[in-house]
C-alpha atoms as a PDB file:
ATOM      1  CA  MET A   1      26.834  -6.241 -23.368  1.00  0.00           C
ATOM      2  CA  ALA A   2      26.302  -2.311 -23.385  1.00  0.00           C
ATOM      3  CA  ARG A   3      23.814  -1.022 -21.011  1.00  0.00           C
ATOM      4  CA  ARG A   4      21.287   1.486 -22.838  1.00  0.00           C
ATOM      5  CA  ALA A   5      20.860   4.688 -20.905  1.00  0.00           C
ATOM      6  CA  ALA A   6      17.365   5.444 -19.875  1.00  0.00           C
ATOM      7  CA  GLN A   7      15.524   8.195 -21.750  1.00  0.00           C
ATOM      8  CA  PRO A   8      14.202  11.104 -19.947  1.00  0.00           C
ATOM      9  CA  ALA A   9      10.623  10.077 -20.510  1.00  0.00           C
ATOM     10  CA  GLN A  10      11.458   6.478 -19.158  1.00  0.00           C
ATOM     11  CA  GLY A  11      12.873   8.094 -15.919  1.00  0.00           C
ATOM     12  CA  LEU A  12       9.784  10.300 -15.356  1.00  0.00           C
ATOM     13  CA  HIS A  13       7.575   7.068 -15.976  1.00  0.00           C
ATOM     14  CA  GLN A  14       9.785   5.116 -13.417  1.00  0.00           C
ATOM     15  CA  LEU A  15       9.360   7.959 -10.991  1.00  0.00           C
ATOM     16  CA  ARG A  16       5.590   7.837 -11.298  1.00  0.00           C
ATOM     17  CA  HIS A  17       5.586   4.075 -10.516  1.00  0.00           C
ATOM     18  CA  TYR A  18       8.020   4.735  -7.651  1.00  0.00           C
ATOM     19  CA  TYR A  19       5.457   7.581  -6.461  1.00  0.00           C
ATOM     20  CA  ALA A  20       2.554   5.110  -6.603  1.00  0.00           C
ATOM     21  CA  SER A  21       4.517   2.377  -4.722  1.00  0.00           C
ATOM     22  CA  VAL A  22       5.409   4.779  -1.995  1.00  0.00           C
ATOM     23  CA  MET A  23       1.803   5.971  -1.795  1.00  0.00           C
ATOM     24  CA  LEU A  24       0.281   2.532  -1.493  1.00  0.00           C
ATOM     25  CA  THR A  25       2.750   1.303   1.073  1.00  0.00           C
ATOM     26  CA  GLY A  26       1.851   4.497   3.039  1.00  0.00           C
ATOM     27  CA  GLY A  27      -1.794   3.402   2.942  1.00  0.00           C
ATOM     28  CA  VAL A  28      -3.169   5.762   0.410  1.00  0.00           C
ATOM     29  CA  ALA A  29      -6.470   4.313  -1.232  1.00  0.00           C
ATOM     30  CA  ILE A  30      -6.644   3.204  -4.827  1.00  0.00           C
ATOM     31  CA  ARG A  31      -9.224   5.984  -5.473  1.00  0.00           C
ATOM     32  CA  GLU A  32      -7.095   8.763  -4.135  1.00  0.00           C
ATOM     33  CA  LEU A  33      -4.007   7.618  -5.823  1.00  0.00           C
ATOM     34  CA  ALA A  34      -5.983   7.487  -9.258  1.00  0.00           C
ATOM     35  CA  GLU A  35      -6.855  10.946  -8.623  1.00  0.00           C
ATOM     36  CA  TYR A  36      -3.257  12.029  -7.782  1.00  0.00           C
ATOM     37  CA  LEU A  37      -2.009  10.328 -11.015  1.00  0.00           C
ATOM     38  CA  GLY A  38      -4.582  11.822 -13.120  1.00  0.00           C
ATOM     39  CA  HIS A  39      -6.248   8.467 -14.022  1.00  0.00           C
ATOM     40  CA  VAL A  40      -9.961   8.762 -14.856  1.00  0.00           C
ATOM     41  CA  ASP A  41     -10.893   5.332 -13.730  1.00  0.00           C
ATOM     42  CA  PRO A  42      -9.590   3.949 -10.511  1.00  0.00           C
ATOM     43  CA  ALA A  43      -9.883   0.477 -11.839  1.00  0.00           C
ATOM     44  CA  PHE A  44      -7.052   1.276 -14.284  1.00  0.00           C
ATOM     45  CA  THR A  45      -4.967   2.243 -11.273  1.00  0.00           C
ATOM     46  CA  LEU A  46      -5.895  -0.946  -9.621  1.00  0.00           C
ATOM     47  CA  ARG A  47      -4.973  -3.190 -12.570  1.00  0.00           C
ATOM     48  CA  VAL A  48      -1.668  -1.404 -12.938  1.00  0.00           C
ATOM     49  CA  TYR A  49      -0.678  -1.215  -9.231  1.00  0.00           C
ATOM     50  CA  ALA A  50      -2.457  -4.070  -7.272  1.00  0.00           C
ATOM     51  CA  HIS A  51       0.525  -5.893  -6.995  1.00  0.00           C
ATOM     52  CA  MET A  52       2.233  -3.237  -4.870  1.00  0.00           C
ATOM     53  CA  GLN A  53      -0.493  -3.026  -2.204  1.00  0.00           C
ATOM     54  CA  PRO A  54       0.538  -4.242   1.172  1.00  0.00           C
ATOM     55  CA  GLY A  55      -1.001  -7.639   2.265  1.00  0.00           C
ATOM     56  CA  SER A  56      -4.468  -7.161   3.270  1.00  0.00           C
ATOM     57  CA  HIS A  57      -4.831  -9.938   5.791  1.00  0.00           C
ATOM     58  CA  GLU A  58      -2.462  -8.293   8.332  1.00  0.00           C
ATOM     59  CA  ARG A  59      -3.823  -4.877   7.538  1.00  0.00           C
ATOM     60  CA  ALA A  60      -7.613  -6.095   8.379  1.00  0.00           C
ATOM     61  CA  ARG A  61      -6.329  -7.733  11.571  1.00  0.00           C
ATOM     62  CA  ARG A  62      -4.631  -4.525  12.785  1.00  0.00           C
ATOM     63  CA  ALA A  63      -7.646  -2.496  11.607  1.00  0.00           C
ATOM     64  CA  ILE A  64      -9.942  -4.719  14.023  1.00  0.00           C
ATOM     65  CA  ASP A  65      -7.593  -4.950  16.732  1.00  0.00           C
ATOM     66  CA  ASP A  66      -7.313  -1.029  16.782  1.00  0.00           C
ATOM     67  CA  ARG A  67     -10.981  -0.379  16.706  1.00  0.00           C
ATOM     68  CA  LEU A  68     -11.436  -2.773  19.520  1.00  0.00           C
ATOM     69  CA  PHE A  69      -8.555  -1.272  21.510  1.00  0.00           C
ATOM     70  CA  ARG A  70      -7.066  -4.609  22.161  1.00  0.00           C
ATOM     71  CA  PRO A  71      -3.258  -4.270  23.602  1.00  0.00           C
ATOM     72  CA  ARG A  72      -0.857  -5.653  20.706  1.00  0.00           C
ATOM     73  CA  SER A  73       0.418  -8.370  22.966  1.00  0.00           C
ATOM     74  CA  VAL A  74      -3.072  -9.818  23.419  1.00  0.00           C
ATOM     75  CA  ALA A  75      -3.757  -9.359  19.556  1.00  0.00           C
ATOM     76  CA  ASP A  76      -0.865 -11.302  18.592  1.00  0.00           C
ATOM     77  CA  GLY A  77      -1.171 -14.023  21.092  1.00  0.00           C
ATOM     78  CA  THR A  78       1.915 -13.310  23.130  1.00  0.00           C
ATOM     79  CA  GLY A  79       0.326 -12.008  26.218  1.00  0.00           C
ATOM     80  CA  THR A  80      -2.864 -12.591  28.292  1.00  0.00           C
ATOM     81  CA  VAL A  81      -5.914 -10.305  29.213  1.00  0.00           C
ATOM     82  CA  GLN A  82      -5.660  -9.307  32.840  1.00  0.00           C
ATOM     83  CA  GLY A  83      -8.760 -10.405  34.772  1.00  0.00           C
ATOM     84  CA  ALA A  84      -9.699 -12.966  32.441  1.00  0.00           C
END
């Protein structure tokens, strides 16, 4: 089976998807990404790229741990709190 070469427009489209995935992995918000991509409606961006967002459970745990200044070893259960 012969492989079909990608058209220039397809290459640019793939580059846009790659850019979006890198931005989401880096923590850029959907609303910001929508603006960067030129989407009028962030809901469209969310529908297209939601599957690329990193897991929210671990991100949520890290956010609250960071806010409460808990040492990582205590937050993940591998250590103990001194003086407790």
